[in-house]
Amino acid sequence: MDRDDEQLLRPRVYGADHDHPGPLPNRRYAELVGGPLDGLLLDITEWTQAEVDAGVALATELGQFGAGGRAMYDPRPGDPARFDWTGDTP
């Protein structure tokens, strides 16, 4: 496997620099499950527990509403390392 193949297999972080799209050490991530951002990691290192519990609406052009739309994700009960897609919003 060459370097390009290895980069394709590494998880990507939502909103990360395109030159360094993978996770960084000493950071805390939640995996986005389902919806348009499925499989991406979300950096929640500096989030409070209340922010994690509230979930998130992430900007994406890939959702139902296209440019300007957001994909909504909530933490999975009992598994805060995974956020499940709950729908799209304009």
PDB file of N, CA and C in Angstrom:
ATOM      1  N   MET A   1       0.848  -1.166   0.000  1.00  0.00           N
ATOM      2  CA  MET A   1       0.000   0.000   0.000  1.00  0.00           C
ATOM      3  C   MET A   1       0.902   1.240   0.000  1.00  0.00           C
ATOM      4  N   ASP A   2       0.599   2.176  -0.896  1.00  0.00           N
ATOM      5  CA  ASP A   2       1.412   3.388  -0.933  1.00  0.00           C
ATOM      6  C   ASP A   2       0.820   4.470  -0.021  1.00  0.00           C
ATOM      7  N   ARG A   3       1.518   5.577   0.082  1.00  0.00           N
ATOM      8  CA  ARG A   3       1.143   6.647   1.010  1.00  0.00           C
ATOM      9  C   ARG A   3      -0.251   7.215   0.706  1.00  0.00           C
ATOM     10  N   ASP A   4      -0.600   7.364  -0.583  1.00  0.00           N
ATOM     11  CA  ASP A   4      -1.921   7.891  -0.950  1.00  0.00           C
ATOM     12  C   ASP A   4      -3.028   6.967  -0.472  1.00  0.00           C
ATOM     13  N   ASP A   5      -2.818   5.648  -0.601  1.00  0.00           N
ATOM     14  CA  ASP A   5      -3.808   4.682  -0.128  1.00  0.00           C
ATOM     15  C   ASP A   5      -3.961   4.764   1.386  1.00  0.00           C
ATOM     16  N   GLU A   6      -2.860   4.925   2.093  1.00  0.00           N
ATOM     17  CA  GLU A   6      -2.911   5.027   3.547  1.00  0.00           C
ATOM     18  C   GLU A   6      -3.682   6.261   3.987  1.00  0.00           C
ATOM     19  N   GLN A   7      -3.510   7.376   3.281  1.00  0.00           N
ATOM     20  CA  GLN A   7      -4.240   8.590   3.625  1.00  0.00           C
ATOM     21  C   GLN A   7      -5.733   8.411   3.407  1.00  0.00           C
ATOM     22  N   LEU A   8      -6.121   7.680   2.370  1.00  0.00           N
ATOM     23  CA  LEU A   8      -7.534   7.443   2.117  1.00  0.00           C
ATOM     24  C   LEU A   8      -8.178   6.608   3.219  1.00  0.00           C
ATOM     25  N   LEU A   9      -7.408   5.737   3.841  1.00  0.00           N
ATOM     26  CA  LEU A   9      -7.936   4.865   4.881  1.00  0.00           C
ATOM     27  C   LEU A   9      -7.974   5.531   6.257  1.00  0.00           C
ATOM     28  N   ARG A  10      -7.219   6.612   6.445  1.00  0.00           N
ATOM     29  CA  ARG A  10      -7.216   7.321   7.729  1.00  0.00           C
ATOM     30  C   ARG A  10      -8.518   8.074   7.910  1.00  0.00           C
ATOM     31  N   PRO A  11      -9.054   8.082   9.115  1.00  0.00           N
ATOM     32  CA  PRO A  11     -10.271   8.868   9.341  1.00  0.00           C
ATOM     33  C   PRO A  11      -9.988  10.355   9.125  1.00  0.00           C
ATOM     34  N   ARG A  12     -11.001  11.078   8.642  1.00  0.00           N
ATOM     35  CA  ARG A  12     -10.873  12.512   8.414  1.00  0.00           C
ATOM     36  C   ARG A  12     -11.661  13.249   9.483  1.00  0.00           C
ATOM     37  N   VAL A  13     -11.198  14.442   9.810  1.00  0.00           N
ATOM     38  CA  VAL A  13     -11.818  15.258  10.841  1.00  0.00           C
ATOM     39  C   VAL A  13     -12.626  16.366  10.177  1.00  0.00           C
ATOM     40  N   TYR A  14     -13.882  16.512  10.595  1.00  0.00           N
ATOM     41  CA  TYR A  14     -14.745  17.578  10.082  1.00  0.00           C
ATOM     42  C   TYR A  14     -14.077  18.929  10.334  1.00  0.00           C
ATOM     43  N   GLY A  15     -13.970  19.746   9.286  1.00  0.00           N
ATOM     44  CA  GLY A  15     -13.427  21.086   9.404  1.00  0.00           C
ATOM     45  C   GLY A  15     -11.917  21.175   9.494  1.00  0.00           C
ATOM     46  N   ALA A  16     -11.217  20.050   9.366  1.00  0.00           N
ATOM     47  CA  ALA A  16      -9.750  20.059   9.490  1.00  0.00           C
ATOM     48  C   ALA A  16      -9.102  20.631   8.242  1.00  0.00           C
ATOM     49  N   ASP A  17      -7.864  21.066   8.393  1.00  0.00           N
ATOM     50  CA  ASP A  17      -7.035  21.549   7.307  1.00  0.00           C
ATOM     51  C   ASP A  17      -6.889  20.443   6.260  1.00  0.00           C
ATOM     52  N   HIS A  18      -7.062  20.775   4.995  1.00  0.00           N
ATOM     53  CA  HIS A  18      -6.971  19.768   3.927  1.00  0.00           C
ATOM     54  C   HIS A  18      -5.599  19.110   3.845  1.00  0.00           C
ATOM     55  N   ASP A  19      -4.565  19.815   4.268  1.00  0.00           N
ATOM     56  CA  ASP A  19      -3.219  19.245   4.239  1.00  0.00           C
ATOM     57  C   ASP A  19      -2.996  18.261   5.380  1.00  0.00           C
ATOM     58  N   HIS A  20      -3.784  18.378   6.441  1.00  0.00           N
ATOM     59  CA  HIS A  20      -3.665  17.504   7.619  1.00  0.00           C
ATOM     60  C   HIS A  20      -5.051  17.096   8.085  1.00  0.00           C
ATOM     61  N   PRO A  21      -5.751  16.249   7.293  1.00  0.00           N
ATOM     62  CA  PRO A  21      -7.154  15.954   7.583  1.00  0.00           C
ATOM     63  C   PRO A  21      -7.392  14.928   8.690  1.00  0.00           C
ATOM     64  N   GLY A  22      -6.341  14.275   9.178  1.00  0.00           N
ATOM     65  CA  GLY A  22      -6.519  13.200  10.148  1.00  0.00           C
ATOM     66  C   GLY A  22      -6.549  13.675  11.584  1.00  0.00           C
ATOM     67  N   PRO A  23      -6.916  12.772  12.480  1.00  0.00           N
ATOM     68  CA  PRO A  23      -6.955  13.119  13.902  1.00  0.00           C
ATOM     69  C   PRO A  23      -5.562  13.386  14.464  1.00  0.00           C
ATOM     70  N   LEU A  24      -5.518  14.218  15.483  1.00  0.00           N
ATOM     71  CA  LEU A  24      -4.268  14.568  16.144  1.00  0.00           C
ATOM     72  C   LEU A  24      -4.196  13.902  17.511  1.00  0.00           C
ATOM     73  N   PRO A  25      -2.995  13.627  17.978  1.00  0.00           N
ATOM     74  CA  PRO A  25      -2.861  13.033  19.309  1.00  0.00           C
ATOM     75  C   PRO A  25      -3.353  14.013  20.381  1.00  0.00           C
ATOM     76  N   ASN A  26      -3.749  13.464  21.502  1.00  0.00           N
ATOM     77  CA  ASN A  26      -4.190  14.252  22.659  1.00  0.00           C
ATOM     78  C   ASN A  26      -5.430  15.083  22.390  1.00  0.00           C
ATOM     79  N   ARG A  27      -6.247  14.659  21.443  1.00  0.00           N
ATOM     80  CA  ARG A  27      -7.518  15.312  21.153  1.00  0.00           C
ATOM     81  C   ARG A  27      -8.626  14.285  21.390  1.00  0.00           C
ATOM     82  N   ARG A  28      -9.831  14.749  21.638  1.00  0.00           N
ATOM     83  CA  ARG A  28     -10.978  13.862  21.844  1.00  0.00           C
ATOM     84  C   ARG A  28     -11.935  14.043  20.676  1.00  0.00           C
ATOM     85  N   TYR A  29     -12.347  12.933  20.073  1.00  0.00           N
ATOM     86  CA  TYR A  29     -13.188  12.973  18.884  1.00  0.00           C
ATOM     87  C   TYR A  29     -14.449  12.143  19.085  1.00  0.00           C
ATOM     88  N   ALA A  30     -15.502  12.545  18.371  1.00  0.00           N
ATOM     89  CA  ALA A  30     -16.717  11.744  18.266  1.00  0.00           C
ATOM     90  C   ALA A  30     -16.879  11.392  16.791  1.00  0.00           C
ATOM     91  N   GLU A  31     -17.256  10.160  16.525  1.00  0.00           N
ATOM     92  CA  GLU A  31     -17.496   9.736  15.146  1.00  0.00           C
ATOM     93  C   GLU A  31     -18.915  10.120  14.747  1.00  0.00           C
ATOM     94  N   LEU A  32     -19.060  10.731  13.560  1.00  0.00           N
ATOM     95  CA  LEU A  32     -20.374  11.068  13.030  1.00  0.00           C
ATOM     96  C   LEU A  32     -20.924   9.843  12.309  1.00  0.00           C
ATOM     97  N   VAL A  33     -22.140   9.435  12.681  1.00  0.00           N
ATOM     98  CA  VAL A  33     -22.722   8.197  12.164  1.00  0.00           C
ATOM     99  C   VAL A  33     -24.013   8.515  11.402  1.00  0.00           C
ATOM    100  N   GLY A  34     -24.045   8.134  10.124  1.00  0.00           N
ATOM    101  CA  GLY A  34     -25.218   8.365   9.289  1.00  0.00           C
ATOM    102  C   GLY A  34     -25.192   9.756   8.677  1.00  0.00           C
ATOM    103  N   GLY A  35     -26.140  10.005   7.796  1.00  0.00           N
ATOM    104  CA  GLY A  35     -26.273  11.312   7.180  1.00  0.00           C
ATOM    105  C   GLY A  35     -25.126  11.682   6.260  1.00  0.00           C
ATOM    106  N   PRO A  36     -25.085  12.945   5.853  1.00  0.00           N
ATOM    107  CA  PRO A  36     -24.111  13.369   4.842  1.00  0.00           C
ATOM    108  C   PRO A  36     -22.662  13.404   5.331  1.00  0.00           C
ATOM    109  N   LEU A  37     -22.441  13.401   6.630  1.00  0.00           N
ATOM    110  CA  LEU A  37     -21.072  13.472   7.151  1.00  0.00           C
ATOM    111  C   LEU A  37     -20.629  12.151   7.773  1.00  0.00           C
ATOM    112  N   ASP A  38     -21.308  11.089   7.428  1.00  0.00           N
ATOM    113  CA  ASP A  38     -21.030   9.761   7.975  1.00  0.00           C
ATOM    114  C   ASP A  38     -19.555   9.400   7.883  1.00  0.00           C
ATOM    115  N   GLY A  39     -19.001   8.961   8.998  1.00  0.00           N
ATOM    116  CA  GLY A  39     -17.620   8.501   9.026  1.00  0.00           C
ATOM    117  C   GLY A  39     -16.598   9.560   9.398  1.00  0.00           C
ATOM    118  N   LEU A  40     -16.977  10.836   9.334  1.00  0.00           N
ATOM    119  CA  LEU A  40     -16.046  11.885   9.741  1.00  0.00           C
ATOM    120  C   LEU A  40     -15.936  11.918  11.263  1.00  0.00           C
ATOM    121  N   LEU A  41     -14.843  12.449  11.744  1.00  0.00           N
ATOM    122  CA  LEU A  41     -14.652  12.649  13.175  1.00  0.00           C
ATOM    123  C   LEU A  41     -14.900  14.116  13.499  1.00  0.00           C
ATOM    124  N   LEU A  42     -15.460  14.361  14.669  1.00  0.00           N
ATOM    125  CA  LEU A  42     -15.713  15.718  15.142  1.00  0.00           C
ATOM    126  C   LEU A  42     -14.867  15.955  16.379  1.00  0.00           C
ATOM    127  N   ASP A  43     -14.032  16.979  16.344  1.00  0.00           N
ATOM    128  CA  ASP A  43     -13.165  17.295  17.474  1.00  0.00           C
ATOM    129  C   ASP A  43     -14.003  17.926  18.585  1.00  0.00           C
ATOM    130  N   ILE A  44     -14.139  17.211  19.712  1.00  0.00           N
ATOM    131  CA  ILE A  44     -14.920  17.701  20.845  1.00  0.00           C
ATOM    132  C   ILE A  44     -14.025  17.897  22.072  1.00  0.00           C
ATOM    133  N   THR A  45     -12.741  18.074  21.841  1.00  0.00           N
ATOM    134  CA  THR A  45     -11.763  18.175  22.925  1.00  0.00           C
ATOM    135  C   THR A  45     -12.132  19.246  23.945  1.00  0.00           C
ATOM    136  N   GLU A  46     -12.495  20.413  23.499  1.00  0.00           N
ATOM    137  CA  GLU A  46     -12.731  21.527  24.417  1.00  0.00           C
ATOM    138  C   GLU A  46     -14.205  21.728  24.752  1.00  0.00           C
ATOM    139  N   TRP A  47     -15.047  20.781  24.377  1.00  0.00           N
ATOM    140  CA  TRP A  47     -16.477  20.895  24.645  1.00  0.00           C
ATOM    141  C   TRP A  47     -16.776  20.555  26.102  1.00  0.00           C
ATOM    142  N   THR A  48     -17.730  21.267  26.683  1.00  0.00           N
ATOM    143  CA  THR A  48     -18.226  20.912  28.010  1.00  0.00           C
ATOM    144  C   THR A  48     -19.192  19.737  27.871  1.00  0.00           C
ATOM    145  N   GLN A  49     -19.526  19.104  28.977  1.00  0.00           N
ATOM    146  CA  GLN A  49     -20.489  17.999  28.932  1.00  0.00           C
ATOM    147  C   GLN A  49     -21.840  18.499  28.422  1.00  0.00           C
ATOM    148  N   ALA A  50     -22.235  19.706  28.811  1.00  0.00           N
ATOM    149  CA  ALA A  50     -23.509  20.273  28.343  1.00  0.00           C
ATOM    150  C   ALA A  50     -23.501  20.459  26.829  1.00  0.00           C
ATOM    151  N   GLU A  51     -22.367  20.887  26.267  1.00  0.00           N
ATOM    152  CA  GLU A  51     -22.272  21.055  24.815  1.00  0.00           C
ATOM    153  C   GLU A  51     -22.354  19.709  24.106  1.00  0.00           C
ATOM    154  N   VAL A  52     -21.701  18.702  24.644  1.00  0.00           N
ATOM    155  CA  VAL A  52     -21.779  17.360  24.061  1.00  0.00           C
ATOM    156  C   VAL A  52     -23.227  16.874  24.104  1.00  0.00           C
ATOM    157  N   ASP A  53     -23.872  17.025  25.249  1.00  0.00           N
ATOM    158  CA  ASP A  53     -25.252  16.553  25.411  1.00  0.00           C
ATOM    159  C   ASP A  53     -26.232  17.247  24.470  1.00  0.00           C
ATOM    160  N   ALA A  54     -25.942  18.503  24.119  1.00  0.00           N
ATOM    161  CA  ALA A  54     -26.845  19.283  23.268  1.00  0.00           C
ATOM    162  C   ALA A  54     -26.782  18.867  21.803  1.00  0.00           C
ATOM    163  N   GLY A  55     -25.708  18.204  21.392  1.00  0.00           N
ATOM    164  CA  GLY A  55     -25.557  17.850  19.991  1.00  0.00           C
ATOM    165  C   GLY A  55     -25.091  19.041  19.185  1.00  0.00           C
ATOM    166  N   VAL A  56     -25.144  18.894  17.859  1.00  0.00           N
ATOM    167  CA  VAL A  56     -24.549  19.921  17.003  1.00  0.00           C
ATOM    168  C   VAL A  56     -25.236  19.942  15.641  1.00  0.00           C
ATOM    169  N   ALA A  57     -25.263  21.120  15.015  1.00  0.00           N
ATOM    170  CA  ALA A  57     -25.709  21.279  13.631  1.00  0.00           C
ATOM    171  C   ALA A  57     -24.490  21.751  12.841  1.00  0.00           C
ATOM    172  N   LEU A  58     -24.018  20.913  11.937  1.00  0.00           N
ATOM    173  CA  LEU A  58     -22.770  21.180  11.212  1.00  0.00           C
ATOM    174  C   LEU A  58     -23.048  21.615   9.773  1.00  0.00           C
ATOM    175  N   ALA A  59     -22.415  22.683   9.352  1.00  0.00           N
ATOM    176  CA  ALA A  59     -22.562  23.173   7.988  1.00  0.00           C
ATOM    177  C   ALA A  59     -22.079  22.119   6.993  1.00  0.00           C
ATOM    178  N   THR A  60     -22.887  21.910   5.951  1.00  0.00           N
ATOM    179  CA  THR A  60     -22.511  20.988   4.883  1.00  0.00           C
ATOM    180  C   THR A  60     -23.285  21.314   3.621  1.00  0.00           C
ATOM    181  N   GLU A  61     -22.651  21.123   2.490  1.00  0.00           N
ATOM    182  CA  GLU A  61     -23.326  21.273   1.204  1.00  0.00           C
ATOM    183  C   GLU A  61     -23.894  19.944   0.732  1.00  0.00           C
ATOM    184  N   LEU A  62     -23.645  18.884   1.484  1.00  0.00           N
ATOM    185  CA  LEU A  62     -24.032  17.541   1.072  1.00  0.00           C
ATOM    186  C   LEU A  62     -25.413  17.125   1.547  1.00  0.00           C
ATOM    187  N   GLY A  63     -26.036  17.907   2.399  1.00  0.00           N
ATOM    188  CA  GLY A  63     -27.329  17.546   2.974  1.00  0.00           C
ATOM    189  C   GLY A  63     -28.494  17.892   2.070  1.00  0.00           C
ATOM    190  N   GLN A  64     -29.686  17.691   2.592  1.00  0.00           N
ATOM    191  CA  GLN A  64     -30.938  17.901   1.867  1.00  0.00           C
ATOM    192  C   GLN A  64     -31.093  19.331   1.358  1.00  0.00           C
ATOM    193  N   PHE A  65     -30.534  20.306   2.073  1.00  0.00           N
ATOM    194  CA  PHE A  65     -30.751  21.710   1.727  1.00  0.00           C
ATOM    195  C   PHE A  65     -29.591  22.332   0.966  1.00  0.00           C
ATOM    196  N   GLY A  66     -28.581  21.539   0.619  1.00  0.00           N
ATOM    197  CA  GLY A  66     -27.461  22.035  -0.176  1.00  0.00           C
ATOM    198  C   GLY A  66     -26.666  23.116   0.537  1.00  0.00           C
ATOM    199  N   ALA A  67     -26.092  24.021  -0.250  1.00  0.00           N
ATOM    200  CA  ALA A  67     -25.253  25.088   0.311  1.00  0.00           C
ATOM    201  C   ALA A  67     -26.033  25.875   1.361  1.00  0.00           C
ATOM    202  N   GLY A  68     -25.408  26.077   2.495  1.00  0.00           N
ATOM    203  CA  GLY A  68     -26.054  26.800   3.581  1.00  0.00           C
ATOM    204  C   GLY A  68     -26.815  25.901   4.540  1.00  0.00           C
ATOM    205  N   GLY A  69     -26.990  24.640   4.172  1.00  0.00           N
ATOM    206  CA  GLY A  69     -27.698  23.707   5.037  1.00  0.00           C
ATOM    207  C   GLY A  69     -26.808  23.149   6.138  1.00  0.00           C
ATOM    208  N   ARG A  70     -27.448  22.523   7.098  1.00  0.00           N
ATOM    209  CA  ARG A  70     -26.717  21.917   8.213  1.00  0.00           C
ATOM    210  C   ARG A  70     -27.230  20.507   8.454  1.00  0.00           C
ATOM    211  N   ALA A  71     -26.311  19.642   8.864  1.00  0.00           N
ATOM    212  CA  ALA A  71     -26.649  18.278   9.268  1.00  0.00           C
ATOM    213  C   ALA A  71     -26.635  18.238  10.795  1.00  0.00           C
ATOM    214  N   MET A  72     -27.679  17.704  11.390  1.00  0.00           N
ATOM    215  CA  MET A  72     -27.799  17.682  12.846  1.00  0.00           C
ATOM    216  C   MET A  72     -27.381  16.319  13.384  1.00  0.00           C
ATOM    217  N   TYR A  73     -26.573  16.343  14.436  1.00  0.00           N
ATOM    218  CA  TYR A  73     -26.074  15.123  15.075  1.00  0.00           C
ATOM    219  C   TYR A  73     -26.228  15.242  16.583  1.00  0.00           C
ATOM    220  N   ASP A  74     -26.693  14.162  17.202  1.00  0.00           N
ATOM    221  CA  ASP A  74     -26.828  14.091  18.655  1.00  0.00           C
ATOM    222  C   ASP A  74     -25.988  12.942  19.191  1.00  0.00           C
ATOM    223  N   PRO A  75     -25.453  13.102  20.417  1.00  0.00           N
ATOM    224  CA  PRO A  75     -24.652  12.014  20.982  1.00  0.00           C
ATOM    225  C   PRO A  75     -25.500  10.769  21.174  1.00  0.00           C
ATOM    226  N   ARG A  76     -24.911   9.633  20.903  1.00  0.00           N
ATOM    227  CA  ARG A  76     -25.604   8.356  21.078  1.00  0.00           C
ATOM    228  C   ARG A  76     -25.720   8.060  22.576  1.00  0.00           C
ATOM    229  N   PRO A  77     -26.921   7.757  23.051  1.00  0.00           N
ATOM    230  CA  PRO A  77     -27.072   7.425  24.472  1.00  0.00           C
ATOM    231  C   PRO A  77     -26.147   6.272  24.860  1.00  0.00           C
ATOM    232  N   GLY A  78     -25.378   6.483  25.913  1.00  0.00           N
ATOM    233  CA  GLY A  78     -24.468   5.458  26.392  1.00  0.00           C
ATOM    234  C   GLY A  78     -23.162   5.358  25.632  1.00  0.00           C
ATOM    235  N   ASP A  79     -23.010   6.132  24.553  1.00  0.00           N
ATOM    236  CA  ASP A  79     -21.780   6.085  23.757  1.00  0.00           C
ATOM    237  C   ASP A  79     -21.469   7.471  23.208  1.00  0.00           C
ATOM    238  N   PRO A  80     -20.992   8.393  24.055  1.00  0.00           N
ATOM    239  CA  PRO A  80     -20.746   9.759  23.602  1.00  0.00           C
ATOM    240  C   PRO A  80     -19.616   9.892  22.585  1.00  0.00           C
ATOM    241  N   ALA A  81     -18.942   8.798  22.263  1.00  0.00           N
ATOM    242  CA  ALA A  81     -17.915   8.830  21.223  1.00  0.00           C
ATOM    243  C   ALA A  81     -18.533   8.697  19.838  1.00  0.00           C
ATOM    244  N   ARG A  82     -19.854   8.578  19.769  1.00  0.00           N
ATOM    245  CA  ARG A  82     -20.565   8.507  18.487  1.00  0.00           C
ATOM    246  C   ARG A  82     -21.734   9.485  18.527  1.00  0.00           C
ATOM    247  N   PHE A  83     -21.844  10.288  17.462  1.00  0.00           N
ATOM    248  CA  PHE A  83     -22.969  11.201  17.311  1.00  0.00           C
ATOM    249  C   PHE A  83     -23.799  10.687  16.128  1.00  0.00           C
ATOM    250  N   ASP A  84     -25.078  10.459  16.360  1.00  0.00           N
ATOM    251  CA  ASP A  84     -25.973   9.942  15.328  1.00  0.00           C
ATOM    252  C   ASP A  84     -26.686  11.087  14.596  1.00  0.00           C
ATOM    253  N   TRP A  85     -26.811  10.931  13.292  1.00  0.00           N
ATOM    254  CA  TRP A  85     -27.502  11.911  12.460  1.00  0.00           C
ATOM    255  C   TRP A  85     -28.983  11.912  12.796  1.00  0.00           C
ATOM    256  N   THR A  86     -29.563  13.103  12.955  1.00  0.00           N
ATOM    257  CA  THR A  86     -30.983  13.203  13.275  1.00  0.00           C
ATOM    258  C   THR A  86     -31.754  13.948  12.199  1.00  0.00           C
ATOM    259  N   GLY A  87     -31.087  14.439  11.168  1.00  0.00           N
ATOM    260  CA  GLY A  87     -31.767  15.115  10.073  1.00  0.00           C
ATOM    261  C   GLY A  87     -30.977  16.314   9.583  1.00  0.00           C
ATOM    262  N   ASP A  88     -31.562  17.001   8.601  1.00  0.00           N
ATOM    263  CA  ASP A  88     -30.950  18.188   8.022  1.00  0.00           C
ATOM    264  C   ASP A  88     -31.846  19.393   8.294  1.00  0.00           C
ATOM    265  N   THR A  89     -31.242  20.553   8.303  1.00  0.00           N
ATOM    266  CA  THR A  89     -31.981  21.800   8.505  1.00  0.00           C
ATOM    267  C   THR A  89     -31.402  22.865   7.578  1.00  0.00           C
ATOM    268  N   PRO A  90     -32.261  23.796   7.133  1.00  0.00           N
ATOM    269  CA  PRO A  90     -31.741  24.867   6.246  1.00  0.00           C
ATOM    270  C   PRO A  90     -30.823  25.818   6.995  1.00  0.00           C
TER     271      PRO A  90
END
